[in-house]
Every structure is written in C-alpha cells, then in structure tokens.
Amino acid sequence: MNLKLALVAAVALTALSACSTPTPYQPALATAAPSAQRGYSETRLEQDRYRLSFAGNDMTRRETVEDYLLFRASELTLDAGYDWFEIVNRSTDEKTRTATYGDPFMDSFSWRYYSRNRWSRWGAWGADWGTDTVEYNRYEATAEILLHKGPKPEGNPKAYDARSIQSSLGPRIVRPAARQ
C-alpha cells in the first residue's frame, strides 16, 4: 500500500512540476495538449507581413510574454533577410481565473466543533480558515508586423532594429531544457 501511495505522489509531483515553471521560448504546438500550446506562433500574411503571438502559462509574467513576442519578430525579420520591423498593431490579453482550495485538515474532526445545532470550523465570527483562494493570470501577446530593409528610421516608436532586439533581449530568453 505504501508503494502505491508513493507512486501516486511521484506521478502527481511530476505533473505539477511541468506547470510550476514559466513558459520557455518555444514554438506552440497546436495539435498537442493545452499545456504544450504555450509558446510562439506566426502566420505569414504577405511577403513582408506577419501576424505573431506568444502565449504564456500561469507562471509567465506579462513582460516576459511581450519580450518573447518581440524576440520572435526579430528572428523572423533576420531569417527573411530584412533589417528592421514595424509593429502595425499590438495587444496583450489577460485571462484571469480564480481557484479556491480546501484545507484537507480542516475537514477532520479535530478541526471542527459543534455549536448551535451545526458543525463549524475553528475561527471567530464565521471566518472560514479552511479555504485558500488564489488568482491566476495568463497573458497572450499578439502583433502584426511589417518587415523592412535598410536602416531603421529615427523617430518612429513602432520601428525596431532586429539586431538590437536580438542583442538586448537574447540574454534573457529561456529556452526549453534539453530532454534526456
């Protein structure tokens, strides 16, 4: 029986560890499980125009999602033989979910008492100490970009030099761990 319980615990910890790290810089796999759909994707709209997105999990900060989107835009720009890109439109969506977890120890007889014809939890004035509510935020950044050759024009806040983005954001890019 103890071996069975240990095996169940090991499987649960393995499953949870996959969710406990931010989404790395990786392509999103549309045909995979929802957890593997996190990452970047793009659609080529015209010769020099792309629609990009980067979706993170509950552990990925908004700034990381937006940085990874810019980094992907710079990769596409350089891979296509261009020098800079212009963001035509850009947005970041936030999805929030709330989860309430019960304390398994609060359901045991030692944590409850009987008063006024009903069972109650320890605590004063109806406080429910047996639950914990957590809010999770998930971000997805999208942009449409135009690719350009030559020097980036000065004074255009929507224009980004692809090589500059590569050098400034590159050190902060976290790629998936190699599988053994």
C-alpha atoms as a PDB file:
ATOM      1  CA  MET A   1       0.000   0.000   0.000  1.00  0.00           C
ATOM      2  CA  ASN A   2       2.830   2.436   0.827  1.00  0.00           C
ATOM      3  CA  LEU A   3       4.476   1.746  -2.535  1.00  0.00           C
ATOM      4  CA  LYS A   4       1.235   2.538  -4.329  1.00  0.00           C
ATOM      5  CA  LEU A   5       0.869   5.808  -2.425  1.00  0.00           C
ATOM      6  CA  ALA A   6       4.489   6.744  -3.170  1.00  0.00           C
ATOM      7  CA  LEU A   7       3.942   6.058  -6.878  1.00  0.00           C
ATOM      8  CA  VAL A   8       0.816   8.225  -6.964  1.00  0.00           C
ATOM      9  CA  ALA A   9       2.681  11.018  -5.169  1.00  0.00           C
ATOM     10  CA  ALA A  10       5.605  10.796  -7.612  1.00  0.00           C
ATOM     11  CA  VAL A  11       3.285  10.999 -10.624  1.00  0.00           C
ATOM     12  CA  ALA A  12       1.452  13.977  -9.104  1.00  0.00           C
ATOM     13  CA  LEU A  13       4.709  15.814  -8.375  1.00  0.00           C
ATOM     14  CA  THR A  14       5.944  15.192 -11.905  1.00  0.00           C
ATOM     15  CA  ALA A  15       2.722  16.566 -13.352  1.00  0.00           C
ATOM     16  CA  LEU A  16       2.841  19.619 -11.099  1.00  0.00           C
ATOM     17  CA  SER A  17       6.485  20.350 -11.875  1.00  0.00           C
ATOM     18  CA  ALA A  18       5.596  20.771 -15.548  1.00  0.00           C
ATOM     19  CA  CYS A  19       3.242  23.589 -14.562  1.00  0.00           C
ATOM     20  CA  SER A  20       5.493  25.229 -11.994  1.00  0.00           C
ATOM     21  CA  THR A  21       7.867  26.969 -14.398  1.00  0.00           C
ATOM     22  CA  PRO A  22       7.204  29.846 -16.800  1.00  0.00           C
ATOM     23  CA  THR A  23       6.651  29.018 -20.450  1.00  0.00           C
ATOM     24  CA  PRO A  24      10.051  28.870 -22.171  1.00  0.00           C
ATOM     25  CA  TYR A  25      10.748  30.429 -25.572  1.00  0.00           C
ATOM     26  CA  GLN A  26       9.432  27.669 -27.828  1.00  0.00           C
ATOM     27  CA  PRO A  27       7.019  27.128 -30.699  1.00  0.00           C
ATOM     28  CA  ALA A  28       3.441  26.441 -29.693  1.00  0.00           C
ATOM     29  CA  LEU A  29       2.209  23.027 -30.803  1.00  0.00           C
ATOM     30  CA  ALA A  30      -1.389  23.424 -31.980  1.00  0.00           C
ATOM     31  CA  THR A  31      -2.031  19.674 -32.103  1.00  0.00           C
ATOM     32  CA  ALA A  32      -0.713  18.991 -28.604  1.00  0.00           C
ATOM     33  CA  ALA A  33      -2.287  19.110 -25.162  1.00  0.00           C
ATOM     34  CA  PRO A  34      -3.308  22.607 -23.962  1.00  0.00           C
ATOM     35  CA  SER A  35      -0.167  22.933 -21.807  1.00  0.00           C
ATOM     36  CA  ALA A  36       2.020  22.382 -24.905  1.00  0.00           C
ATOM     37  CA  GLN A  37       0.119  25.056 -26.840  1.00  0.00           C
ATOM     38  CA  ARG A  38       2.012  27.733 -24.932  1.00  0.00           C
ATOM     39  CA  GLY A  39       4.760  29.495 -26.847  1.00  0.00           C
ATOM     40  CA  TYR A  40       5.061  31.438 -30.105  1.00  0.00           C
ATOM     41  CA  SER A  41       3.225  31.058 -33.373  1.00  0.00           C
ATOM     42  CA  GLU A  42       3.104  33.099 -36.541  1.00  0.00           C
ATOM     43  CA  THR A  43       1.186  33.387 -39.769  1.00  0.00           C
ATOM     44  CA  ARG A  44       2.707  34.871 -42.896  1.00  0.00           C
ATOM     45  CA  LEU A  45       0.111  37.238 -44.330  1.00  0.00           C
ATOM     46  CA  GLU A  46       2.125  38.705 -47.218  1.00  0.00           C
ATOM     47  CA  GLN A  47       5.741  38.649 -48.404  1.00  0.00           C
ATOM     48  CA  ASP A  48       6.747  41.194 -45.744  1.00  0.00           C
ATOM     49  CA  ARG A  49       3.863  40.964 -43.235  1.00  0.00           C
ATOM     50  CA  TYR A  50       3.324  38.533 -40.328  1.00  0.00           C
ATOM     51  CA  ARG A  51       0.872  38.049 -37.504  1.00  0.00           C
ATOM     52  CA  LEU A  52       2.646  36.785 -34.358  1.00  0.00           C
ATOM     53  CA  SER A  53       1.561  35.628 -30.940  1.00  0.00           C
ATOM     54  CA  PHE A  54       3.158  34.371 -27.767  1.00  0.00           C
ATOM     55  CA  ALA A  55       1.039  32.672 -25.099  1.00  0.00           C
ATOM     56  CA  GLY A  56       2.377  32.045 -21.613  1.00  0.00           C
ATOM     57  CA  ASN A  57       1.161  29.848 -18.784  1.00  0.00           C
ATOM     58  CA  ASP A  58       0.052  30.969 -15.292  1.00  0.00           C
ATOM     59  CA  MET A  59       3.691  31.368 -14.204  1.00  0.00           C
ATOM     60  CA  THR A  60       4.814  33.568 -17.120  1.00  0.00           C
ATOM     61  CA  ARG A  61       4.949  37.299 -16.407  1.00  0.00           C
ATOM     62  CA  ARG A  62       3.387  39.801 -18.805  1.00  0.00           C
ATOM     63  CA  GLU A  63       6.788  41.399 -19.544  1.00  0.00           C
ATOM     64  CA  THR A  64       8.230  38.008 -20.480  1.00  0.00           C
ATOM     65  CA  VAL A  65       5.366  37.282 -22.883  1.00  0.00           C
ATOM     66  CA  GLU A  66       5.824  40.680 -24.554  1.00  0.00           C
ATOM     67  CA  ASP A  67       9.639  40.306 -24.726  1.00  0.00           C
ATOM     68  CA  TYR A  68       9.344  36.857 -26.299  1.00  0.00           C
ATOM     69  CA  LEU A  69       6.961  38.266 -28.927  1.00  0.00           C
ATOM     70  CA  LEU A  70       9.476  40.996 -29.837  1.00  0.00           C
ATOM     71  CA  PHE A  71      12.297  38.465 -29.909  1.00  0.00           C
ATOM     72  CA  ARG A  72      10.334  36.232 -32.286  1.00  0.00           C
ATOM     73  CA  ALA A  73       9.619  39.249 -34.512  1.00  0.00           C
ATOM     74  CA  SER A  74      13.353  39.979 -34.674  1.00  0.00           C
ATOM     75  CA  GLU A  75      14.119  36.333 -35.565  1.00  0.00           C
ATOM     76  CA  LEU A  76      11.572  36.335 -38.382  1.00  0.00           C
ATOM     77  CA  THR A  77      12.908  39.657 -39.671  1.00  0.00           C
ATOM     78  CA  LEU A  78      16.505  38.471 -39.846  1.00  0.00           C
ATOM     79  CA  ASP A  79      15.618  34.993 -41.170  1.00  0.00           C
ATOM     80  CA  ALA A  80      13.693  36.609 -44.048  1.00  0.00           C
ATOM     81  CA  GLY A  81      16.674  38.811 -44.955  1.00  0.00           C
ATOM     82  CA  TYR A  82      15.300  42.090 -43.563  1.00  0.00           C
ATOM     83  CA  ASP A  83      16.857  44.548 -41.111  1.00  0.00           C
ATOM     84  CA  TRP A  84      14.055  46.071 -39.057  1.00  0.00           C
ATOM     85  CA  PHE A  85      10.374  45.584 -38.387  1.00  0.00           C
ATOM     86  CA  GLU A  86       7.458  47.872 -37.741  1.00  0.00           C
ATOM     87  CA  ILE A  87       4.595  46.951 -35.446  1.00  0.00           C
ATOM     88  CA  VAL A  88       1.324  47.727 -37.205  1.00  0.00           C
ATOM     89  CA  ASN A  89      -0.810  46.751 -34.220  1.00  0.00           C
ATOM     90  CA  ARG A  90      -0.130  45.052 -30.921  1.00  0.00           C
ATOM     91  CA  SER A  91      -2.092  43.902 -27.891  1.00  0.00           C
ATOM     92  CA  THR A  92      -1.720  41.793 -24.785  1.00  0.00           C
ATOM     93  CA  ASP A  93      -4.717  39.885 -23.477  1.00  0.00           C
ATOM     94  CA  GLU A  94      -5.004  38.893 -19.841  1.00  0.00           C
ATOM     95  CA  LYS A  95      -7.089  35.920 -18.778  1.00  0.00           C
ATOM     96  CA  THR A  96      -7.768  35.619 -15.076  1.00  0.00           C
ATOM     97  CA  ARG A  97      -9.091  32.603 -13.252  1.00  0.00           C
ATOM     98  CA  THR A  98      -9.740  32.110  -9.576  1.00  0.00           C
ATOM     99  CA  ALA A  99      -9.388  28.809  -7.754  1.00  0.00           C
ATOM    100  CA  THR A 100     -10.418  28.019  -4.208  1.00  0.00           C
ATOM    101  CA  TYR A 101      -8.692  25.187  -2.438  1.00  0.00           C
ATOM    102  CA  GLY A 102      -9.899  23.490   0.711  1.00  0.00           C
ATOM    103  CA  ASP A 103      -7.593  22.554   3.550  1.00  0.00           C
ATOM    104  CA  PRO A 104      -7.884  18.767   3.945  1.00  0.00           C
ATOM    105  CA  PHE A 105      -7.048  19.049   7.641  1.00  0.00           C
ATOM    106  CA  MET A 106      -9.943  21.413   8.231  1.00  0.00           C
ATOM    107  CA  ASP A 107     -12.372  18.605   7.422  1.00  0.00           C
ATOM    108  CA  SER A 108     -11.130  16.324  10.177  1.00  0.00           C
ATOM    109  CA  PHE A 109     -12.960  16.048  13.475  1.00  0.00           C
ATOM    110  CA  SER A 110     -10.159  17.753  15.377  1.00  0.00           C
ATOM    111  CA  TRP A 111     -10.578  20.976  13.466  1.00  0.00           C
ATOM    112  CA  ARG A 112     -14.342  21.339  13.848  1.00  0.00           C
ATOM    113  CA  TYR A 113     -16.701  21.876  16.720  1.00  0.00           C
ATOM    114  CA  TYR A 114     -20.436  21.580  17.267  1.00  0.00           C
ATOM    115  CA  SER A 115     -22.299  24.719  18.267  1.00  0.00           C
ATOM    116  CA  ARG A 116     -25.848  25.989  17.929  1.00  0.00           C
ATOM    117  CA  ASN A 117     -27.058  22.812  16.251  1.00  0.00           C
ATOM    118  CA  ARG A 118     -24.437  22.840  13.470  1.00  0.00           C
ATOM    119  CA  TRP A 119     -20.832  21.884  12.831  1.00  0.00           C
ATOM    120  CA  SER A 120     -18.446  24.838  12.466  1.00  0.00           C
ATOM    121  CA  ARG A 121     -14.787  25.355  11.747  1.00  0.00           C
ATOM    122  CA  TRP A 122     -12.427  26.791  14.334  1.00  0.00           C
ATOM    123  CA  GLY A 123     -12.417  30.532  13.921  1.00  0.00           C
ATOM    124  CA  ALA A 124     -14.275  33.544  15.088  1.00  0.00           C
ATOM    125  CA  TRP A 125     -17.461  35.031  13.712  1.00  0.00           C
ATOM    126  CA  GLY A 126     -17.893  32.737  10.762  1.00  0.00           C
ATOM    127  CA  ALA A 127     -14.353  33.034   9.403  1.00  0.00           C
ATOM    128  CA  ASP A 128     -13.589  30.200   7.032  1.00  0.00           C
ATOM    129  CA  TRP A 129      -9.977  29.313   7.718  1.00  0.00           C
ATOM    130  CA  GLY A 130     -10.226  26.092   5.762  1.00  0.00           C
ATOM    131  CA  THR A 131     -10.017  27.570   2.270  1.00  0.00           C
ATOM    132  CA  ASP A 132      -7.493  29.481   0.239  1.00  0.00           C
ATOM    133  CA  THR A 133      -8.454  31.464  -2.863  1.00  0.00           C
ATOM    134  CA  VAL A 134      -5.765  32.087  -5.482  1.00  0.00           C
ATOM    135  CA  GLU A 135      -5.951  34.247  -8.600  1.00  0.00           C
ATOM    136  CA  TYR A 136      -4.025  33.153 -11.702  1.00  0.00           C
ATOM    137  CA  ASN A 137      -3.232  35.431 -14.653  1.00  0.00           C
ATOM    138  CA  ARG A 138      -2.295  34.177 -18.097  1.00  0.00           C
ATOM    139  CA  TYR A 139      -1.062  36.524 -20.839  1.00  0.00           C
ATOM    140  CA  GLU A 140      -1.042  36.282 -24.618  1.00  0.00           C
ATOM    141  CA  ALA A 141       0.614  38.972 -26.726  1.00  0.00           C
ATOM    142  CA  THR A 142      -0.209  39.407 -30.413  1.00  0.00           C
ATOM    143  CA  ALA A 143       1.170  41.725 -33.070  1.00  0.00           C
ATOM    144  CA  GLU A 144       1.111  42.303 -36.778  1.00  0.00           C
ATOM    145  CA  ILE A 145       4.489  43.346 -38.169  1.00  0.00           C
ATOM    146  CA  LEU A 146       5.878  44.692 -41.432  1.00  0.00           C
ATOM    147  CA  LEU A 147       9.456  43.795 -42.400  1.00  0.00           C
ATOM    148  CA  HIS A 148      11.810  46.388 -43.908  1.00  0.00           C
ATOM    149  CA  LYS A 149      15.341  46.595 -45.336  1.00  0.00           C
ATOM    150  CA  GLY A 150      17.904  49.276 -44.706  1.00  0.00           C
ATOM    151  CA  PRO A 151      18.430  51.489 -41.677  1.00  0.00           C
ATOM    152  CA  LYS A 152      15.586  51.886 -39.210  1.00  0.00           C
ATOM    153  CA  PRO A 153      14.009  55.354 -39.488  1.00  0.00           C
ATOM    154  CA  GLU A 154      14.533  57.631 -36.494  1.00  0.00           C
ATOM    155  CA  GLY A 155      11.529  58.958 -34.648  1.00  0.00           C
ATOM    156  CA  ASN A 156       9.171  56.040 -35.340  1.00  0.00           C
ATOM    157  CA  PRO A 157       8.266  54.449 -31.988  1.00  0.00           C
ATOM    158  CA  LYS A 158       6.763  51.434 -33.780  1.00  0.00           C
ATOM    159  CA  ALA A 159      10.036  50.610 -35.575  1.00  0.00           C
ATOM    160  CA  TYR A 160      12.545  48.132 -34.100  1.00  0.00           C
ATOM    161  CA  ASP A 161      16.022  47.198 -35.292  1.00  0.00           C
ATOM    162  CA  ALA A 162      16.052  43.386 -35.371  1.00  0.00           C
ATOM    163  CA  ARG A 163      19.733  43.040 -34.450  1.00  0.00           C
ATOM    164  CA  SER A 164      19.343  45.415 -31.494  1.00  0.00           C
ATOM    165  CA  ILE A 165      16.385  43.404 -30.206  1.00  0.00           C
ATOM    166  CA  GLN A 166      18.402  40.194 -30.578  1.00  0.00           C
ATOM    167  CA  SER A 167      21.314  41.588 -28.569  1.00  0.00           C
ATOM    168  CA  SER A 168      19.235  43.255 -25.843  1.00  0.00           C
ATOM    169  CA  LEU A 169      16.653  40.510 -25.273  1.00  0.00           C
ATOM    170  CA  GLY A 170      18.746  37.479 -26.259  1.00  0.00           C
ATOM    171  CA  PRO A 171      20.424  37.014 -22.856  1.00  0.00           C
ATOM    172  CA  ARG A 172      17.001  36.911 -21.148  1.00  0.00           C
ATOM    173  CA  ILE A 173      15.500  34.272 -23.431  1.00  0.00           C
ATOM    174  CA  VAL A 174      14.908  30.974 -21.631  1.00  0.00           C
ATOM    175  CA  ARG A 175      14.695  28.030 -23.960  1.00  0.00           C
ATOM    176  CA  PRO A 176      13.233  24.621 -23.033  1.00  0.00           C
ATOM    177  CA  ALA A 177      15.527  22.241 -21.195  1.00  0.00           C
ATOM    178  CA  ALA A 178      17.027  19.529 -23.359  1.00  0.00           C
ATOM    179  CA  ARG A 179      15.315  16.180 -22.909  1.00  0.00           C
ATOM    180  CA  GLN A 180      17.490  13.294 -21.858  1.00  0.00           C
END
